[in-house]
C-alpha cells in the first residue's frame, strides 16, 4: 500500500481551499457589481440584475444542470433576510459573507 505524506495532503487541502465553488464566485461577482456603486440605494430589481449579470459571466460555459445547481447553492448560502442593508456597499458585504458559506 502506498502511503500519502502529510505534506501532500496539506498541499491538496490548500489547493481545495484556494479553489472557490461556482456558487461562491457567483456571489462574489454580484457583490462586486453592487459594490461598484457603494452609495447607491439598492432595491430588489438592482439585486436581481446583479445576480443575472454575475450569472451570465460566471456560468456562461456551464451546462444547464450545473447552472441550476450553482444557483440553488448560492441561494441557500444567502441569509434568510438581508436586514437593513440599503446601499450597494452594504449588500456587497453581506454577499461576500454568504460567499464564504457557498
N, C-alpha and C. Protein backbone atom coordinates (compact mmCIF):
# COMPACT_ATOMS: atom_id res chain seq x y z
N UNK A 1 0.84 -1.17 0.00
CA UNK A 1 0.00 0.00 0.00
C UNK A 1 0.89 1.24 0.00
N UNK A 2 0.51 2.20 -0.84
CA UNK A 2 1.28 3.42 -0.94
C UNK A 2 0.80 4.42 0.12
N UNK A 3 1.74 5.05 0.77
CA UNK A 3 1.41 6.00 1.83
C UNK A 3 1.37 7.42 1.28
N UNK A 4 0.47 8.20 1.78
CA UNK A 4 0.40 9.62 1.42
C UNK A 4 1.13 10.40 2.49
N UNK A 5 2.07 11.19 2.05
CA UNK A 5 2.81 12.02 3.00
C UNK A 5 1.94 13.19 3.45
N UNK A 6 2.16 13.61 4.66
CA UNK A 6 1.37 14.72 5.21
C UNK A 6 1.51 15.96 4.36
N UNK A 7 2.69 16.22 3.84
CA UNK A 7 2.89 17.42 3.03
C UNK A 7 2.02 17.36 1.76
N UNK A 8 1.84 16.16 1.19
CA UNK A 8 0.97 16.03 0.02
C UNK A 8 -0.48 16.31 0.38
N UNK A 9 -0.92 15.83 1.51
CA UNK A 9 -2.29 16.09 1.97
C UNK A 9 -2.48 17.58 2.25
N UNK A 10 -1.48 18.21 2.86
CA UNK A 10 -1.56 19.64 3.14
C UNK A 10 -1.65 20.44 1.85
N UNK A 11 -0.88 20.06 0.85
CA UNK A 11 -0.92 20.77 -0.42
C UNK A 11 -2.28 20.60 -1.10
N UNK A 12 -2.83 19.41 -1.03
CA UNK A 12 -4.15 19.17 -1.62
C UNK A 12 -5.21 20.00 -0.90
N UNK A 13 -5.13 20.09 0.41
CA UNK A 13 -6.09 20.88 1.18
C UNK A 13 -5.96 22.36 0.83
N UNK A 14 -4.74 22.84 0.69
CA UNK A 14 -4.54 24.25 0.34
C UNK A 14 -5.11 24.54 -1.05
N UNK A 15 -4.91 23.62 -2.00
CA UNK A 15 -5.47 23.81 -3.35
C UNK A 15 -6.99 23.83 -3.29
N UNK A 16 -7.57 22.94 -2.51
CA UNK A 16 -9.03 22.89 -2.40
C UNK A 16 -9.58 24.17 -1.79
N UNK A 17 -8.90 24.69 -0.81
CA UNK A 17 -9.37 25.94 -0.19
C UNK A 17 -9.20 27.12 -1.12
N UNK A 18 -8.17 27.09 -1.96
CA UNK A 18 -7.92 28.20 -2.87
C UNK A 18 -8.91 28.21 -4.03
N UNK A 19 -9.49 27.08 -4.33
CA UNK A 19 -10.44 26.97 -5.43
C UNK A 19 -11.84 27.24 -4.90
N UNK A 20 -12.43 28.29 -5.37
CA UNK A 20 -13.78 28.65 -4.92
C UNK A 20 -14.82 27.91 -5.74
N UNK A 21 -15.94 27.61 -5.11
CA UNK A 21 -17.04 26.97 -5.83
C UNK A 21 -17.66 27.98 -6.79
N UNK A 22 -18.40 27.47 -7.76
CA UNK A 22 -19.08 28.34 -8.71
C UNK A 22 -20.09 29.23 -7.98
N UNK A 23 -20.75 28.69 -6.96
CA UNK A 23 -21.72 29.48 -6.19
C UNK A 23 -21.01 30.63 -5.48
N UNK A 24 -19.86 30.36 -4.94
CA UNK A 24 -19.08 31.40 -4.27
C UNK A 24 -18.66 32.47 -5.26
N UNK A 25 -18.18 32.04 -6.44
CA UNK A 25 -17.77 33.01 -7.47
C UNK A 25 -18.96 33.85 -7.93
N UNK A 26 -20.13 33.23 -8.03
CA UNK A 26 -21.34 33.96 -8.42
C UNK A 26 -21.68 35.04 -7.40
N UNK A 27 -21.67 34.68 -6.13
CA UNK A 27 -21.97 35.65 -5.07
C UNK A 27 -20.94 36.77 -5.03
N UNK A 28 -19.67 36.42 -5.22
CA UNK A 28 -18.62 37.44 -5.21
C UNK A 28 -18.75 38.38 -6.41
N UNK A 29 -19.10 37.84 -7.57
CA UNK A 29 -19.29 38.68 -8.75
C UNK A 29 -20.47 39.63 -8.55
N UNK A 30 -21.56 39.15 -7.97
CA UNK A 30 -22.71 40.01 -7.68
C UNK A 30 -22.32 41.09 -6.66
N UNK A 31 -21.52 40.69 -5.67
CA UNK A 31 -21.05 41.66 -4.66
C UNK A 31 -20.19 42.74 -5.31
N UNK A 32 -19.34 42.36 -6.25
CA UNK A 32 -18.51 43.34 -6.95
C UNK A 32 -19.36 44.32 -7.74
N UNK A 33 -20.40 43.80 -8.40
CA UNK A 33 -21.27 44.68 -9.18
C UNK A 33 -22.01 45.67 -8.28
N UNK A 34 -22.57 45.18 -7.19
CA UNK A 34 -23.30 46.08 -6.28
C UNK A 34 -22.35 47.02 -5.56
N UNK A 35 -21.17 46.53 -5.23
CA UNK A 35 -20.19 47.35 -4.52
C UNK A 35 -19.53 48.41 -5.39
N UNK A 36 -19.71 48.31 -6.71
CA UNK A 36 -19.10 49.31 -7.60
C UNK A 36 -19.79 50.67 -7.48
N UNK A 37 -20.98 50.68 -6.91
CA UNK A 37 -21.69 51.93 -6.62
C UNK A 37 -22.08 51.91 -5.15
N UNK A 38 -21.10 52.12 -4.28
CA UNK A 38 -21.30 51.88 -2.85
C UNK A 38 -22.37 52.76 -2.18
N UNK A 39 -22.58 53.93 -2.67
CA UNK A 39 -23.54 54.85 -2.02
C UNK A 39 -24.95 54.72 -2.58
N UNK A 40 -25.10 54.03 -3.68
CA UNK A 40 -26.40 53.93 -4.33
C UNK A 40 -27.33 53.01 -3.54
N UNK A 41 -28.56 53.43 -3.35
CA UNK A 41 -29.55 52.59 -2.68
C UNK A 41 -29.94 51.45 -3.61
N UNK A 42 -29.99 50.24 -3.06
CA UNK A 42 -30.27 49.04 -3.84
C UNK A 42 -31.69 48.57 -3.55
N UNK A 43 -32.41 48.26 -4.62
CA UNK A 43 -33.75 47.67 -4.46
C UNK A 43 -33.72 46.25 -5.02
N UNK A 44 -34.86 45.58 -5.00
CA UNK A 44 -34.94 44.19 -5.46
C UNK A 44 -34.52 44.05 -6.93
N UNK A 45 -34.88 45.02 -7.76
CA UNK A 45 -34.51 44.96 -9.17
C UNK A 45 -33.00 45.05 -9.36
N UNK A 46 -32.36 45.90 -8.58
CA UNK A 46 -30.90 46.01 -8.64
C UNK A 46 -30.24 44.70 -8.24
N UNK A 47 -30.75 44.10 -7.18
CA UNK A 47 -30.21 42.83 -6.69
C UNK A 47 -30.39 41.73 -7.74
N UNK A 48 -31.58 41.67 -8.31
CA UNK A 48 -31.86 40.68 -9.36
C UNK A 48 -30.96 40.91 -10.58
N UNK A 49 -30.79 42.16 -10.96
CA UNK A 49 -29.93 42.50 -12.10
C UNK A 49 -28.48 42.11 -11.86
N UNK A 50 -28.00 42.33 -10.63
CA UNK A 50 -26.63 41.96 -10.30
C UNK A 50 -26.44 40.45 -10.38
N UNK A 51 -27.43 39.69 -9.89
CA UNK A 51 -27.34 38.24 -9.97
C UNK A 51 -27.41 37.76 -11.43
N UNK A 52 -28.25 38.39 -12.23
CA UNK A 52 -28.36 37.99 -13.64
C UNK A 52 -27.06 38.26 -14.38
N UNK A 53 -26.48 39.43 -14.17
CA UNK A 53 -25.23 39.78 -14.84
C UNK A 53 -24.08 38.91 -14.35
N UNK A 54 -24.01 38.69 -13.05
CA UNK A 54 -22.96 37.83 -12.49
C UNK A 54 -23.12 36.40 -13.00
N UNK A 55 -24.36 35.93 -13.05
CA UNK A 55 -24.61 34.58 -13.54
C UNK A 55 -24.22 34.42 -15.00
N UNK A 56 -24.49 35.44 -15.79
CA UNK A 56 -24.15 35.38 -17.21
C UNK A 56 -22.64 35.25 -17.41
N UNK A 57 -21.86 35.91 -16.57
CA UNK A 57 -20.41 35.83 -16.74
C UNK A 57 -19.80 34.60 -16.08
N UNK A 58 -20.24 34.28 -14.87
CA UNK A 58 -19.65 33.17 -14.12
C UNK A 58 -20.09 31.82 -14.67
N UNK A 59 -21.33 31.72 -15.12
CA UNK A 59 -21.89 30.43 -15.52
C UNK A 59 -22.02 30.25 -17.02
N UNK A 60 -21.42 31.13 -17.80
CA UNK A 60 -21.59 31.12 -19.25
C UNK A 60 -21.20 29.78 -19.89
N UNK A 61 -20.15 29.15 -19.40
CA UNK A 61 -19.65 27.93 -20.02
C UNK A 61 -20.20 26.66 -19.37
N UNK A 62 -21.10 26.81 -18.43
CA UNK A 62 -21.60 25.65 -17.69
C UNK A 62 -22.85 25.06 -18.33
N UNK A 63 -23.07 23.79 -18.10
CA UNK A 63 -24.29 23.13 -18.58
C UNK A 63 -25.48 23.63 -17.75
N UNK A 64 -26.65 23.37 -18.24
CA UNK A 64 -27.87 23.80 -17.52
C UNK A 64 -27.94 23.18 -16.13
N UNK A 65 -27.57 21.92 -16.02
CA UNK A 65 -27.62 21.24 -14.72
C UNK A 65 -26.66 21.90 -13.73
N UNK A 66 -25.47 22.26 -14.20
CA UNK A 66 -24.50 22.91 -13.32
C UNK A 66 -25.00 24.31 -12.95
N UNK A 67 -25.55 25.02 -13.91
CA UNK A 67 -26.09 26.36 -13.61
C UNK A 67 -27.18 26.28 -12.56
N UNK A 68 -28.12 25.35 -12.74
CA UNK A 68 -29.22 25.20 -11.79
C UNK A 68 -28.70 24.85 -10.39
N UNK A 69 -27.77 23.93 -10.34
CA UNK A 69 -27.19 23.52 -9.06
C UNK A 69 -26.45 24.69 -8.39
N UNK A 70 -25.72 25.44 -9.19
CA UNK A 70 -24.97 26.58 -8.66
C UNK A 70 -25.90 27.65 -8.12
N UNK A 71 -26.95 27.94 -8.87
CA UNK A 71 -27.91 28.96 -8.42
C UNK A 71 -28.60 28.52 -7.13
N UNK A 72 -28.94 27.25 -7.05
CA UNK A 72 -29.57 26.73 -5.83
C UNK A 72 -28.62 26.84 -4.65
N UNK A 73 -27.38 26.47 -4.86
CA UNK A 73 -26.38 26.53 -3.79
C UNK A 73 -26.14 27.97 -3.34
N UNK A 74 -26.07 28.89 -4.30
CA UNK A 74 -25.87 30.30 -3.96
C UNK A 74 -27.06 30.84 -3.19
N UNK A 75 -28.26 30.46 -3.63
CA UNK A 75 -29.48 30.93 -2.94
C UNK A 75 -29.52 30.43 -1.50
N UNK A 76 -29.11 29.18 -1.28
CA UNK A 76 -29.12 28.62 0.07
C UNK A 76 -28.05 29.24 0.96
N UNK A 77 -27.02 29.80 0.37
CA UNK A 77 -25.96 30.44 1.15
C UNK A 77 -26.36 31.85 1.62
N UNK A 78 -27.37 32.41 0.97
CA UNK A 78 -27.81 33.75 1.35
C UNK A 78 -28.49 33.72 2.71
N UNK A 79 -28.35 34.81 3.47
CA UNK A 79 -29.07 34.89 4.74
C UNK A 79 -30.57 34.92 4.49
N UNK A 80 -31.33 34.46 5.45
CA UNK A 80 -32.79 34.44 5.32
C UNK A 80 -33.33 35.84 5.07
N UNK A 81 -32.70 36.81 5.68
CA UNK A 81 -33.10 38.20 5.49
C UNK A 81 -31.83 39.03 5.36
N UNK A 82 -31.85 39.96 4.44
CA UNK A 82 -30.69 40.82 4.28
C UNK A 82 -30.65 41.91 5.33
N UNK A 83 -31.67 42.01 6.13
CA UNK A 83 -31.69 43.01 7.19
C UNK A 83 -31.83 44.40 6.62
N UNK A 84 -31.24 45.36 7.31
CA UNK A 84 -31.45 46.75 6.92
C UNK A 84 -30.54 47.24 5.80
N UNK A 85 -29.81 46.35 5.13
CA UNK A 85 -28.90 46.79 4.08
C UNK A 85 -29.66 47.59 3.02
N UNK A 86 -29.12 48.72 2.67
CA UNK A 86 -29.80 49.57 1.72
C UNK A 86 -28.89 50.04 0.59
N UNK A 87 -27.60 50.11 0.82
CA UNK A 87 -26.68 50.61 -0.21
C UNK A 87 -25.93 49.47 -0.86
N UNK A 88 -25.34 49.77 -2.00
CA UNK A 88 -24.54 48.77 -2.71
C UNK A 88 -23.42 48.22 -1.85
N UNK A 89 -22.78 49.08 -1.07
CA UNK A 89 -21.68 48.64 -0.21
C UNK A 89 -22.18 47.67 0.87
N UNK A 90 -23.33 47.96 1.44
CA UNK A 90 -23.88 47.10 2.49
C UNK A 90 -24.29 45.74 1.94
N UNK A 91 -24.91 45.74 0.77
CA UNK A 91 -25.27 44.47 0.15
C UNK A 91 -24.02 43.69 -0.23
N UNK A 92 -23.01 44.38 -0.73
CA UNK A 92 -21.78 43.71 -1.15
C UNK A 92 -21.13 42.98 0.02
N UNK A 93 -21.13 43.61 1.20
CA UNK A 93 -20.56 42.96 2.39
C UNK A 93 -21.33 41.68 2.71
N UNK A 94 -22.64 41.76 2.69
CA UNK A 94 -23.46 40.59 3.02
C UNK A 94 -23.28 39.47 2.00
N UNK A 95 -23.15 39.83 0.71
CA UNK A 95 -22.94 38.81 -0.31
C UNK A 95 -21.56 38.15 -0.17
N UNK A 96 -20.56 38.95 0.19
CA UNK A 96 -19.23 38.38 0.40
C UNK A 96 -19.21 37.42 1.58
N UNK A 97 -19.94 37.75 2.62
CA UNK A 97 -20.05 36.82 3.76
C UNK A 97 -20.77 35.54 3.35
N UNK A 98 -21.81 35.68 2.55
CA UNK A 98 -22.54 34.50 2.08
C UNK A 98 -21.65 33.63 1.18
N UNK A 99 -20.77 34.26 0.43
CA UNK A 99 -19.87 33.51 -0.47
C UNK A 99 -18.94 32.59 0.30
N UNK A 100 -18.62 32.95 1.52
CA UNK A 100 -17.76 32.09 2.35
C UNK A 100 -18.46 30.78 2.69
N UNK A 101 -19.78 30.80 2.75
CA UNK A 101 -20.54 29.60 3.11
C UNK A 101 -20.90 28.77 1.87
N UNK A 102 -20.76 29.36 0.70
CA UNK A 102 -21.18 28.65 -0.53
C UNK A 102 -20.13 27.69 -1.03
